[in-house]
Every structure is written in structure tokens, then in C-alpha cells.
Protein backbone atom coordinates (compact mmCIF):
# COMPACT_ATOMS: atom_id res chain seq x y z
CA MET A 1 -8.43 0.77 -55.80
CA PHE A 2 -5.14 -0.83 -54.74
CA HIS A 3 -5.34 0.78 -51.30
CA LEU A 4 -8.93 -0.40 -50.87
CA LEU A 5 -7.99 -3.99 -51.70
CA THR A 6 -5.07 -3.77 -49.27
CA ARG A 7 -7.33 -2.61 -46.42
CA ILE A 8 -9.83 -5.41 -47.15
CA LEU A 9 -7.04 -7.98 -47.15
CA LEU A 10 -5.69 -6.70 -43.83
CA LEU A 11 -9.18 -6.82 -42.34
CA PHE A 12 -9.57 -10.49 -43.23
CA LEU A 13 -6.11 -11.26 -41.86
CA LEU A 14 -7.00 -9.68 -38.52
CA LEU A 15 -10.39 -11.37 -38.13
CA PRO A 16 -8.99 -14.74 -36.92
CA ILE A 17 -6.89 -12.96 -34.28
CA VAL A 18 -9.92 -11.11 -32.93
CA ALA A 19 -11.93 -14.33 -32.95
CA VAL A 20 -9.21 -16.17 -30.99
CA ALA A 21 -9.15 -13.40 -28.34
CA GLU A 22 -12.95 -13.53 -28.02
CA ASN A 23 -12.89 -17.32 -27.79
CA ASN A 24 -10.27 -17.17 -25.02
CA SER A 25 -12.49 -14.87 -22.95
CA VAL A 26 -15.54 -17.06 -23.52
CA ASN A 27 -13.70 -20.27 -22.70
CA ILE A 28 -12.07 -18.87 -19.56
CA TYR A 29 -15.40 -17.42 -18.40
CA SER A 30 -17.21 -20.75 -18.77
CA ASP A 31 -14.33 -22.81 -17.36
CA VAL A 32 -13.90 -20.90 -14.09
CA GLU A 33 -17.32 -19.35 -13.49
CA ASN A 34 -18.19 -21.94 -10.85
CA SER A 35 -14.88 -21.36 -9.03
CA VAL A 36 -15.39 -17.61 -8.47
CA TYR A 37 -17.66 -16.32 -5.70
CA GLN A 38 -18.85 -13.10 -4.18
CA ILE A 39 -17.56 -12.54 -0.63
CA ARG A 40 -19.93 -10.67 1.67
CA VAL A 41 -19.46 -9.03 5.06
CA LEU A 42 -22.89 -8.95 6.74
CA ASN A 43 -24.04 -7.01 9.77
CA LYS A 44 -25.20 -9.60 12.30
CA GLN A 45 -28.18 -7.52 13.40
CA THR A 46 -29.62 -6.40 10.06
CA ARG A 47 -28.21 -9.25 7.92
CA LYS A 48 -27.53 -6.61 5.26
CA LYS A 49 -24.32 -6.37 3.24
CA SER A 50 -21.71 -4.01 4.65
CA VAL A 51 -18.90 -4.89 2.23
CA ILE A 52 -18.73 -7.01 -0.90
CA GLY A 53 -15.77 -8.36 -2.79
CA SER A 54 -14.78 -11.40 -4.78
CA GLY A 55 -13.01 -14.66 -4.02
CA PHE A 56 -12.02 -17.88 -5.73
CA ILE A 57 -11.46 -21.52 -4.83
CA VAL A 58 -7.82 -22.43 -4.35
CA GLY A 59 -5.84 -25.20 -2.65
CA ARG A 60 -8.89 -27.25 -1.62
CA PRO A 61 -12.54 -27.30 -2.76
CA ASP A 62 -13.64 -25.62 0.50
CA ILE A 63 -11.01 -22.82 0.57
CA LEU A 64 -11.52 -19.37 -0.94
CA ALA A 65 -8.91 -16.64 -1.40
CA THR A 66 -9.78 -12.94 -1.30
CA ASN A 67 -8.30 -9.58 -0.27
CA TYR A 68 -7.65 -8.69 3.35
CA HIS A 69 -9.36 -5.35 2.88
CA VAL A 70 -12.57 -7.13 1.84
CA VAL A 71 -12.78 -8.93 5.22
CA SER A 72 -10.99 -6.30 7.38
CA SER A 73 -14.13 -5.09 9.16
CA TYR A 74 -14.82 -8.68 10.24
CA VAL A 75 -11.21 -9.08 11.44
CA ASN A 76 -11.47 -5.94 13.57
CA GLU A 77 -15.07 -6.43 14.76
CA PRO A 78 -16.01 -10.14 14.64
CA GLU A 79 -18.75 -9.53 17.20
CA THR A 80 -20.50 -7.20 14.72
CA TYR A 81 -20.05 -8.94 11.37
CA ASP A 82 -20.35 -12.33 9.67
CA LEU A 83 -18.70 -13.64 6.50
CA GLU A 84 -20.70 -15.24 3.70
CA TYR A 85 -20.18 -16.46 0.14
CA PHE A 86 -22.62 -16.01 -2.74
CA SER A 87 -22.37 -18.13 -5.91
CA THR A 88 -23.30 -17.29 -9.49
CA SER A 89 -26.25 -19.67 -9.07
CA GLY A 90 -27.53 -17.82 -6.00
CA GLU A 91 -26.29 -20.24 -3.34
CA THR A 92 -25.07 -18.76 -0.03
CA GLY A 93 -23.22 -20.07 3.01
CA SER A 94 -21.12 -18.98 5.98
CA LEU A 95 -17.35 -18.60 5.91
CA GLU A 96 -14.60 -18.94 8.52
CA LEU A 97 -11.48 -16.78 8.36
CA LEU A 98 -8.38 -19.01 8.37
CA ASP A 99 -5.34 -16.85 7.64
CA LEU A 100 -4.24 -13.54 6.17
CA ASP A 101 -1.34 -11.54 4.81
CA VAL A 102 -2.00 -7.89 5.62
CA VAL A 103 1.17 -6.67 3.85
CA HIS A 104 0.03 -8.12 0.51
CA ASP A 105 -3.69 -7.60 1.17
CA LEU A 106 -4.66 -11.29 1.09
CA ALA A 107 -6.89 -13.57 3.15
CA ALA A 108 -8.06 -17.20 3.09
CA VAL A 109 -11.53 -18.29 4.22
CA LYS A 110 -13.19 -21.68 4.55
CA ALA A 111 -16.68 -22.87 3.67
CA GLN A 112 -18.55 -25.62 5.50
CA LYS A 113 -18.69 -27.75 2.35
CA ASN A 114 -16.89 -28.21 -0.95
CA LEU A 115 -17.71 -25.38 -3.35
CA GLY A 116 -16.11 -26.45 -6.60
CA LYS A 117 -12.88 -26.90 -8.50
CA PRO A 118 -9.76 -25.16 -7.11
CA LEU A 119 -7.93 -22.91 -9.55
CA ARG A 120 -4.24 -23.57 -10.14
CA ILE A 121 -1.61 -20.96 -9.18
CA THR A 122 1.25 -20.27 -11.57
CA ARG A 123 3.99 -17.74 -12.30
CA ILE A 124 3.49 -14.33 -13.88
CA PRO A 125 3.70 -14.58 -17.69
CA ASN A 126 5.92 -12.45 -19.87
CA LYS A 127 5.30 -8.73 -20.06
CA GLY A 128 2.68 -8.00 -22.69
CA ALA A 129 0.77 -11.25 -22.20
CA ASN A 130 -3.03 -11.18 -22.19
CA LEU A 131 -4.64 -11.51 -18.75
CA TYR A 132 -8.25 -12.01 -17.68
CA SER A 133 -9.60 -10.58 -14.43
CA LEU A 134 -12.79 -11.99 -12.91
CA GLY A 135 -15.08 -10.78 -10.17
CA ASN A 136 -18.37 -9.18 -9.17
CA PRO A 137 -18.17 -5.44 -10.01
CA MET A 138 -20.58 -3.07 -8.27
CA ASP A 139 -22.71 -6.02 -7.09
CA LEU A 140 -24.00 -6.30 -10.66
CA GLY A 141 -23.04 -9.91 -11.32
CA PHE A 142 -20.11 -12.02 -12.40
CA SER A 143 -17.95 -10.47 -15.14
CA ILE A 144 -14.58 -10.72 -16.87
CA VAL A 145 -12.16 -7.89 -17.78
CA GLU A 146 -9.43 -8.42 -20.35
CA GLY A 147 -6.12 -6.59 -20.11
CA THR A 148 -2.37 -6.83 -20.51
CA ASN A 149 0.43 -7.69 -18.11
CA ASN A 150 2.60 -4.56 -17.85
CA GLY A 151 5.09 -6.14 -15.45
CA LEU A 152 5.94 -5.68 -11.79
CA MET A 153 6.12 -2.19 -10.33
CA LYS A 154 9.90 -2.01 -9.84
CA TYR A 155 9.91 1.32 -8.00
CA SER A 156 7.30 0.33 -5.42
CA GLU A 157 7.75 -1.60 -2.19
CA ASP A 158 4.59 -3.58 -3.00
CA LYS A 159 5.97 -5.08 -6.25
CA ASN A 160 2.43 -5.53 -7.54
CA ILE A 161 1.56 -6.33 -11.16
CA LEU A 162 0.51 -3.41 -13.35
CA PHE A 163 -2.61 -4.47 -15.27
CA SER A 164 -4.05 -2.54 -18.23
CA GLY A 165 -7.64 -3.30 -17.37
CA SER A 166 -10.10 -1.37 -15.23
CA LEU A 167 -11.04 -3.17 -12.00
CA ASN A 168 -14.29 -1.95 -10.49
CA PRO A 169 -15.40 -2.01 -6.84
CA GLY A 170 -16.52 -5.51 -5.95
CA MET A 171 -13.84 -7.19 -8.08
CA SER A 172 -11.29 -6.97 -5.24
CA GLY A 173 -10.12 -10.46 -4.28
CA GLY A 174 -11.05 -12.05 -7.56
CA PRO A 175 -8.51 -13.97 -9.67
CA THR A 176 -6.60 -12.76 -12.69
CA LEU A 177 -5.81 -15.60 -15.07
CA ASN A 178 -3.45 -16.31 -17.92
CA GLU A 179 -4.71 -17.70 -21.23
CA SER A 180 -4.62 -21.24 -19.77
CA GLY A 181 -7.01 -20.29 -16.95
CA GLU A 182 -4.33 -20.36 -14.23
CA VAL A 183 -4.14 -17.74 -11.46
CA VAL A 184 -1.23 -15.31 -11.83
CA GLY A 185 -2.56 -12.51 -9.62
CA ILE A 186 -5.31 -11.35 -7.29
CA ASN A 187 -7.30 -8.18 -8.02
CA VAL A 188 -6.45 -5.53 -5.47
CA ALA A 189 -6.93 -1.94 -6.66
CA THR A 190 -7.43 0.48 -9.51
CA SER A 191 -6.16 4.01 -10.11
CA GLY A 192 -8.52 4.78 -12.99
CA ASN A 193 -7.77 5.40 -16.67
CA GLU A 194 -7.57 1.67 -17.40
CA ILE A 195 -4.73 1.11 -14.90
CA SER A 196 -5.10 -1.46 -12.11
CA PHE A 197 -2.94 -3.49 -9.76
CA LEU A 198 -2.70 -7.19 -8.98
CA VAL A 199 -1.04 -9.02 -6.09
CA PRO A 200 1.29 -11.73 -7.48
CA ALA A 201 -0.21 -15.15 -6.77
CA GLU A 202 3.06 -16.39 -5.21
CA HIS A 203 2.09 -14.60 -1.97
CA LEU A 204 -1.11 -16.63 -1.85
CA SER A 205 0.99 -19.80 -2.15
CA THR A 206 2.76 -18.77 1.06
CA ILE A 207 -0.55 -18.57 2.92
CA LEU A 208 -1.63 -21.97 1.58
CA GLY A 209 1.70 -23.43 2.72
CA ARG A 210 1.10 -22.17 6.27
CA LEU A 211 -2.43 -23.55 6.26
CA LYS A 212 -1.24 -26.96 5.13
CA LEU A 213 1.19 -27.11 8.05
CA ARG A 214 -1.71 -26.33 10.41
CA ASN A 215 -4.01 -28.85 8.70
CA PHE A 216 -6.11 -25.89 7.48
CA GLN A 217 -7.03 -24.78 11.00
CA ALA A 218 -7.71 -21.10 11.68
CA GLU A 219 -5.05 -18.78 13.10
CA GLU A 220 -5.57 -18.33 16.85
CA ASN A 221 -4.79 -14.62 17.18
CA PHE A 222 -5.16 -12.40 14.11
CA PHE A 223 -3.98 -9.22 15.84
CA ARG A 224 -0.74 -10.93 16.83
CA LEU A 225 -0.32 -12.28 13.28
CA ILE A 226 -0.86 -8.82 11.80
CA SER A 227 1.60 -7.28 14.28
CA ASP A 228 4.27 -9.83 13.40
CA GLN A 229 3.76 -9.31 9.67
CA LEU A 230 3.89 -5.51 9.94
CA LEU A 231 6.99 -5.56 12.14
CA GLU A 232 8.81 -7.92 9.80
CA ASP A 233 7.88 -5.81 6.78
CA ASN A 234 8.87 -2.55 8.49
CA LYS A 235 12.21 -3.87 9.72
CA SER A 236 13.00 -5.23 6.27
CA PHE A 237 12.07 -1.92 4.63
CA LEU A 238 14.14 0.26 6.99
CA THR A 239 17.09 -2.13 6.89
CA ARG A 240 17.10 -1.95 3.09
CA LEU A 241 16.89 1.84 3.22
CA MET A 242 19.92 2.10 5.50
CA ALA A 243 21.92 -0.22 3.23
CA GLU A 244 21.28 1.97 0.15
CA LYS A 245 23.69 4.58 -1.16
CA TRP A 246 21.62 7.74 -0.76
CA SER A 247 21.40 10.62 -3.19
CA HIS A 248 21.85 14.13 -1.77
CA GLU A 249 20.54 17.61 -2.41
CA LYS A 250 21.36 21.10 -1.20
CA ILE A 251 18.74 22.93 0.86
CA GLY A 252 20.00 26.38 1.78
CA LYS A 253 23.38 25.91 3.45
CA PHE A 254 22.89 22.20 4.15
CA ASP A 255 23.65 19.14 2.03
CA VAL A 256 21.15 16.44 3.07
CA PRO A 257 19.97 12.95 2.03
CA SER A 258 17.35 13.16 -0.69
CA GLU A 259 15.68 10.02 -2.11
CA LEU A 260 16.71 7.15 0.16
CA SER A 261 15.72 4.49 -2.38
CA ARG A 262 13.91 4.14 -5.69
CA SER A 263 10.65 3.63 -3.79
CA VAL A 264 10.96 7.04 -2.10
CA ARG A 265 9.89 10.16 -4.01
CA CYS A 266 10.95 13.72 -3.24
CA TRP A 267 9.04 16.78 -4.46
CA ASP A 268 9.63 20.49 -4.26
CA ALA A 269 6.98 22.17 -2.11
CA SER A 270 8.45 25.69 -1.97
CA ARG A 271 5.99 28.56 -2.07
CA THR A 272 6.22 30.97 -4.95
CA ALA A 273 8.14 34.06 -3.89
CA GLU A 274 6.32 37.41 -4.00
CA LYS A 275 7.98 40.78 -4.63
CA GLU A 276 6.91 42.08 -1.25
CA ASP A 277 8.31 39.07 0.64
CA LEU A 278 10.90 39.91 3.28
CA PHE A 279 12.24 36.36 3.41
CA ARG A 280 13.07 33.42 1.15
CA SER A 281 12.21 29.79 1.83
CA PHE A 282 12.88 26.44 0.15
CA PHE A 283 10.89 23.32 0.99
CA THR A 284 11.37 19.68 -0.09
CA ARG A 285 9.00 16.88 0.94
CA CYS A 286 9.80 13.15 0.54
CA SER A 287 7.63 10.06 1.02
CA ASN A 288 7.62 6.32 0.36
CA GLU A 289 4.09 6.85 -1.02
CA ARG A 290 2.94 3.59 0.51
CA SER A 291 0.54 2.57 3.24
CA ILE A 292 -0.80 -0.77 4.45
CA TYR A 293 -4.54 -0.91 4.99
CA LEU A 294 -5.71 -2.24 8.35
CA ASP A 295 -9.20 -0.83 8.75
CA SER A 296 -11.33 2.07 7.64
CA GLY A 297 -9.35 5.16 8.67
CA LEU A 298 -6.30 3.21 9.81
CA GLU A 299 -3.30 2.66 7.55
CA LEU A 300 0.31 2.01 8.56
CA GLY A 301 3.72 1.94 6.93
CA THR A 302 4.18 5.50 5.71
CA LEU A 303 7.55 7.27 5.87
CA ASP A 304 7.63 11.05 5.37
CA TYR A 305 10.45 13.53 5.81
CA GLU A 306 10.88 17.15 4.83
CA TYR A 307 13.47 19.90 4.80
CA GLN A 308 12.80 23.62 4.98
CA TRP A 309 15.29 26.46 4.72
CA ILE A 310 14.32 30.05 5.53
CA GLU A 311 16.46 33.18 5.35
CA SER A 312 16.01 36.96 5.42
CA GLN A 313 18.16 40.07 5.29
CA GLU A 314 15.24 42.49 5.78
CA LEU A 315 13.33 41.10 8.77
CA HIS A 316 14.25 42.22 12.29
CA PRO A 317 15.67 39.21 14.23
CA LEU A 318 12.63 39.13 16.54
CA ARG A 319 10.18 39.09 13.61
CA PHE A 320 12.32 36.50 11.85
CA TYR A 321 12.29 34.30 14.94
CA LYS A 322 8.50 34.47 15.21
CA ARG A 323 8.17 33.54 11.55
CA TYR A 324 10.68 30.74 11.94
CA GLU A 325 8.99 29.43 15.09
CA SER A 326 5.60 29.27 13.33
CA LEU A 327 7.09 26.92 10.71
CA ASN A 328 8.55 24.51 13.28
CA SER A 329 5.74 21.99 13.41
CA SER A 330 4.88 18.59 11.97
CA VAL A 331 1.56 16.80 11.46
CA LEU A 332 1.55 13.01 11.43
CA ASN A 333 -0.03 11.38 8.37
CA SER A 334 -2.32 9.15 10.40
CA ASN A 335 -6.00 8.97 11.39
CA ALA A 336 -5.40 6.70 14.39
CA ASP A 337 -7.49 7.69 17.42
CA LYS A 338 -7.42 6.98 21.17
CA GLU A 339 -8.86 3.50 20.61
CA ASP A 340 -5.89 2.65 18.38
CA VAL A 341 -2.89 4.28 20.07
CA THR A 342 -1.56 5.63 23.35
CA ASN A 343 -0.89 9.33 23.87
CA PHE A 344 2.35 10.77 22.50
CA ALA A 345 5.31 10.86 24.87
CA CYS A 346 7.94 13.42 23.80
CA ASN A 347 11.55 14.17 24.67
CA THR A 348 13.33 17.41 23.71
CA ARG A 349 17.05 18.06 23.76
CA PHE A 350 19.75 20.05 21.96
CA VAL A 351 22.05 18.21 19.54
CA SER A 352 24.98 19.18 17.35
CA VAL A 353 24.89 18.33 13.64
CA ASP A 354 28.09 19.11 11.72
CA LYS A 355 28.91 21.87 14.27
CA GLN A 356 25.42 23.41 14.01
CA LYS A 357 23.16 23.36 17.06
CA PHE A 358 19.61 22.00 16.72
CA LYS A 359 16.66 21.75 19.05
CA ALA A 360 15.30 18.23 18.54
CA THR A 361 12.01 16.75 19.73
CA ILE A 362 11.30 13.02 19.45
CA CYS A 363 7.73 11.85 20.07
CA ARG A 364 6.40 8.30 20.23
CA ARG A 365 3.03 6.63 20.67
CA ASP A 366 2.34 2.89 20.68
CA TYR A 367 -0.43 0.84 19.07
CA ILE A 368 -2.78 -0.85 21.51
CA ASN A 369 -3.77 -3.89 19.44
CA TYR A 370 -0.57 -4.24 17.42
CA THR A 371 2.20 -4.96 19.89
CA GLY A 372 5.63 -3.62 18.97
CA LEU A 373 4.40 -1.00 16.49
CA SER A 374 4.71 2.73 17.14
CA ASP A 375 4.23 6.08 15.47
CA VAL A 376 7.36 8.23 15.58
CA LEU A 377 7.35 11.99 15.02
CA ILE A 378 10.68 13.85 15.00
CA THR A 379 11.18 17.56 14.43
CA MET A 380 14.46 19.50 14.49
CA ALA A 381 15.14 23.21 14.12
CA MET A 382 18.56 24.86 13.79
CA VAL A 383 19.23 27.53 16.42
CA GLY A 384 21.87 30.23 16.91
CA HIS A 385 21.39 32.21 13.70
CA LYS A 386 19.61 35.58 13.50
CA SER A 387 18.60 35.55 9.85
CA LYS A 388 18.53 31.94 8.72
CA GLY A 389 16.92 28.70 9.84
CA PHE A 390 16.68 25.04 8.86
CA ILE A 391 13.94 22.57 9.82
CA PHE A 392 13.99 18.78 9.44
CA ASN A 393 10.91 16.65 10.10
CA LEU A 394 10.79 12.85 10.03
CA ASP A 395 7.53 10.95 10.57
CA MET A 396 6.96 7.18 10.55
CA VAL A 397 3.56 5.50 11.00
CA GLY A 398 3.51 1.93 12.32
CA THR A 399 7.21 1.31 12.80
CA ASP A 400 9.71 -0.38 15.09
CA PHE A 401 10.85 2.47 17.36
CA ASN A 402 14.47 1.34 17.76
CA ILE A 403 15.07 0.85 14.03
CA ALA A 404 13.33 4.17 13.34
CA LEU A 405 15.89 5.87 15.60
CA GLN A 406 18.71 4.12 13.72
CA LEU A 407 17.42 5.56 10.45
CA PHE A 408 17.15 9.02 12.04
CA GLU A 409 20.72 8.88 13.35
CA LYS A 410 22.07 7.69 9.99
CA MET A 411 20.32 10.56 8.20
CA LEU A 412 21.76 13.11 10.65
CA GLY A 413 25.21 11.65 10.09
CA GLU A 414 24.97 12.62 6.42
CA PHE A 415 23.94 16.25 7.03
CA LYS A 416 26.76 18.56 5.88
CA TRP A 417 26.91 22.29 6.61
CA LYS A 418 28.08 24.30 3.58
CA GLY A 419 27.85 27.75 5.14
């Protein structure tokens, strides 16, 4: 009986808390409903929706913020697509793209009239605070998702907010609010299992600052703006990498750089040895696990490198060489095609690394629309040994070629032969 009374008492104590949480959701929903819109990318010929996302009024009554990836097809093919807003009351109208931040997946668009009350941007609340994400999931109507602020992703270059709520397709670009109805983040992605990511609203403040300086006039050349943003981000990333104190690992007879920073992950990819194998191999693959979305099938910013050691006491040198040669290849992690990039130009030469001779091939191709950005593919294979080999591959997608070479040279300088 005592335990029953205790449970009843606890239930009554919790009821006001639940009611407050429900009231917060209801109040926020009603307060900001008229400031959140659906953003549509329409095919000019069919007038049908190609992409939908969400957006919200910010800065001025005629300015909407959204994700870059929502409007990316319009950015890349403005002759094919139009931008349009759609309100919760069914009102529609055309939009003009003003500015964007491709690194943080943000964009600002302008309507031809005032749409409503701008939402206020503020700082990220303390970890554990309740947050409310709004948008138009699956084209099913305006909705709100409640979750918790789990803090910034410290081990990611993006530094996005980890949100314990499930964002559905169509909510991208919508606002995430604190309990006072202020914008702390912008919906950007979900990885399932109630885990989603938000872009900190401070990056949107940067865009609004640029627009204010231009009297809210549209950027003249979006491809040039994107190129500048990607180059600045890439240079900053590689410069930080080269300033880090790198961890090392032993692969065969070589001591090599392992994880270059906390945002780079290394994984063992060695094949399981079989009893009948006549050779042994060890394989480590590392990646920054990050890419910046530009368009469907085109993402930049990845860094991948791998080490492979192979040795054998049983194989004849000729058979060993054929096996070794078959492993000396690298495939770039990119879907760019001939409309995006030039053909690869390659240069091969022999280099000495800690008194060991390597055959090194450096290949480069340049982006057509994004001036200054290149893909770099480097592969090196140790030569001069009859029963052992070592392969190093380094691939960078959408990088500054000269700084990429600096990173490559610094990595080679830390290779140590332990034979």
C-alpha cells in the first residue's frame, strides 16, 4: 500500500512538468507558425516541385533563411529552375537568391513583399536544454519536433549541434528554437535513430551581416563566391592539420603518421589471413569523414590516405612483384565528371624516403566552375625489395594544390624506416 501511494504521489508531482513541456511546444508553434515557410524548387517547364525544404523569416520581413542544399539545383541550373515559397495558409510567391554559405550549408532568399515577423537569432543554450525544430516534413504540412541540445560535435570539422530529435526530409532549412522562441540552429541533416544535426545560427548572422553591407542586394557571381568559400575553408583545414602534433603507428617496417587531428579517423582494413596464403598484408585507411555538398553527385572537401604493407617468404620474387603491382592503385572518392573537371595530368618520379626508394605519381585535375580548386591523387610504392612492399596513397577532393603538396611533403618527412 505504501509503495502504491508513493507512485501516485510521484505521478502527481510529474504532471505539472509534463504540462509545462506541452505548453511550451504549443506556444512556440502558435508564435512562430507564420514565420516558417516551405521553400520549393520548381521546374520552369512543368511548374512541378523538384525539391522542397523549409525556411524562416530572419533579419527583415522579406528575407528567408534556408539550407544551401535545398536551393543547390537552382544555383547550378538557374535556367532550369525557379524558387518559390509556400505559407501555412497556402500563399505562394517567387524568391530571389541573395547569398549563401556552402561550407555551413546555408542560403538567404528574398521575397517580393513582407512575409511576416523575423525570428531573433541567439546563442546556443546549455547542453541538455530543450529545443524545438520546425519545418515541413515529407511535404505533409507544418510540424514541430522536440529534442535536446547535446552540444557541439567537438571531433568534427563542421562543429554542428547534435540534436536528439528526428528531422525528416523537408525539414531542412527550418529553424530550431530555444524555449523563448529564438533561433539557435538551422535544421540540416539526420542520421536516424533520433539523432540529427543543426547548423549553429551564428553562421547565419555572418550572411546577414554581408547582406546588410550590400543593402540586401544579391551576390553577383555565386560560383566565384562558392570557390572563395571552399578555398578559404580548405586552406584553413590543411593549415590546422600541419600545425597539429600527429600520432604515429607502425605499418610493417615503417613508422608513419596516423590520425592527423581529432577530426580524422583511421581504421584497420586488413584482410583476414588464410592458412593457404603465401603472403601477409596490413592495411590502414584514414579519412576526415567530411564532405561539402555542392550538387547532386558532387561533393568536395574529403581527405583520404592509406598505408599498405605486404611481405612474403614463400612467393617467388616475380610472383610477388605481380601481386604487389596489382595493389598499387588508388581510386578517388569523387563522382565529378567531364562537365565538372579537367582531365588528370600526372607526373611520376623516384624519391627517397628515409633511405628507401619509392616510385611516386602525383596527379591533378582542376574544377571548371570553381576556380582554384583541384583534385589531387598521389600514390607511392616502395621499390628495391624482393619480398616486401609498402604503398602510400593520399587523395584530396576540392583542394588548393600547393597546400596539398605541403601536407604531402610534411607527411613524408615523418616516415621512419624501422627495418
